[in-house]
């Protein structure tokens, strides 16, 4: 199943359903972007680095 989007309070959140485990996985990058009060110093940069490495 290809990744899908869900819109929560106007923000697009990427998600993927794992049929074998019967669980949803949501993009932490999108969640942090949607909720700026959660930000920690350096958190955004660290997550961007992790996402870039995962795409390779």
C-alpha atoms as a PDB file:
ATOM      1  CA  UNK A   1       0.000   0.000   0.000  1.00  0.00           C
ATOM      2  CA  UNK A   2       1.531   3.364  -0.992  1.00  0.00           C
ATOM      3  CA  UNK A   3       1.911   6.084   1.655  1.00  0.00           C
ATOM      4  CA  UNK A   4      -1.135   8.273   2.104  1.00  0.00           C
ATOM      5  CA  UNK A   5      -1.872  11.707   3.513  1.00  0.00           C
ATOM      6  CA  UNK A   6      -4.213  12.672   6.286  1.00  0.00           C
ATOM      7  CA  UNK A   7      -5.092  16.298   6.999  1.00  0.00           C
ATOM      8  CA  UNK A   8      -5.196  17.159  10.695  1.00  0.00           C
ATOM      9  CA  UNK A   9      -6.140  20.716  11.622  1.00  0.00           C
ATOM     10  CA  UNK A  10      -5.079  21.902   8.151  1.00  0.00           C
ATOM     11  CA  UNK A  11      -1.674  20.162   8.155  1.00  0.00           C
ATOM     12  CA  UNK A  12      -0.785  17.345   5.754  1.00  0.00           C
ATOM     13  CA  UNK A  13       0.606  14.401   7.716  1.00  0.00           C
ATOM     14  CA  UNK A  14       2.209  11.544   5.780  1.00  0.00           C
ATOM     15  CA  UNK A  15       1.274   8.078   6.991  1.00  0.00           C
ATOM     16  CA  UNK A  16       1.731   4.433   6.099  1.00  0.00           C
ATOM     17  CA  UNK A  17      -0.353   1.440   7.175  1.00  0.00           C
ATOM     18  CA  UNK A  18       1.567  -1.741   8.015  1.00  0.00           C
ATOM     19  CA  UNK A  19      -0.915  -4.480   7.141  1.00  0.00           C
ATOM     20  CA  UNK A  20       1.161  -7.201   8.786  1.00  0.00           C
ATOM     21  CA  UNK A  21       1.372  -5.418  12.157  1.00  0.00           C
ATOM     22  CA  UNK A  22      -2.019  -3.693  11.657  1.00  0.00           C
ATOM     23  CA  UNK A  23      -0.591  -0.337  12.741  1.00  0.00           C
ATOM     24  CA  UNK A  24      -0.319   3.158  11.302  1.00  0.00           C
ATOM     25  CA  UNK A  25       3.064   4.916  11.095  1.00  0.00           C
ATOM     26  CA  UNK A  26       3.057   8.723  10.904  1.00  0.00           C
ATOM     27  CA  UNK A  27       5.822  11.082   9.763  1.00  0.00           C
ATOM     28  CA  UNK A  28       7.385  12.655  12.853  1.00  0.00           C
ATOM     29  CA  UNK A  29       8.725  15.459  10.650  1.00  0.00           C
ATOM     30  CA  UNK A  30       5.176  16.388   9.611  1.00  0.00           C
ATOM     31  CA  UNK A  31       3.869  16.158  13.181  1.00  0.00           C
ATOM     32  CA  UNK A  32       6.597  18.456  14.530  1.00  0.00           C
ATOM     33  CA  UNK A  33       5.998  20.905  11.697  1.00  0.00           C
ATOM     34  CA  UNK A  34       2.275  20.961  12.539  1.00  0.00           C
ATOM     35  CA  UNK A  35       2.890  21.569  16.258  1.00  0.00           C
ATOM     36  CA  UNK A  36       5.615  24.201  16.717  1.00  0.00           C
ATOM     37  CA  UNK A  37       5.214  24.236  20.525  1.00  0.00           C
ATOM     38  CA  UNK A  38       6.894  20.795  20.545  1.00  0.00           C
ATOM     39  CA  UNK A  39      10.151  22.083  19.037  1.00  0.00           C
ATOM     40  CA  UNK A  40      13.380  21.641  20.930  1.00  0.00           C
ATOM     41  CA  UNK A  41      16.678  23.350  20.078  1.00  0.00           C
ATOM     42  CA  UNK A  42      18.336  21.383  17.275  1.00  0.00           C
ATOM     43  CA  UNK A  43      15.446  18.907  17.004  1.00  0.00           C
ATOM     44  CA  UNK A  44      14.337  20.003  13.523  1.00  0.00           C
ATOM     45  CA  UNK A  45      17.850  19.830  12.089  1.00  0.00           C
ATOM     46  CA  UNK A  46      18.430  16.391  13.615  1.00  0.00           C
ATOM     47  CA  UNK A  47      15.195  15.038  12.167  1.00  0.00           C
ATOM     48  CA  UNK A  48      15.954  16.473   8.729  1.00  0.00           C
ATOM     49  CA  UNK A  49      19.341  14.720   8.813  1.00  0.00           C
ATOM     50  CA  UNK A  50      17.727  11.421   9.788  1.00  0.00           C
ATOM     51  CA  UNK A  51      15.144  11.754   7.003  1.00  0.00           C
ATOM     52  CA  UNK A  52      17.830  12.538   4.410  1.00  0.00           C
ATOM     53  CA  UNK A  53      19.826   9.469   5.438  1.00  0.00           C
ATOM     54  CA  UNK A  54      16.714   7.275   5.293  1.00  0.00           C
ATOM     55  CA  UNK A  55      16.004   8.396   1.715  1.00  0.00           C
ATOM     56  CA  UNK A  56      19.438   7.197   0.513  1.00  0.00           C
END
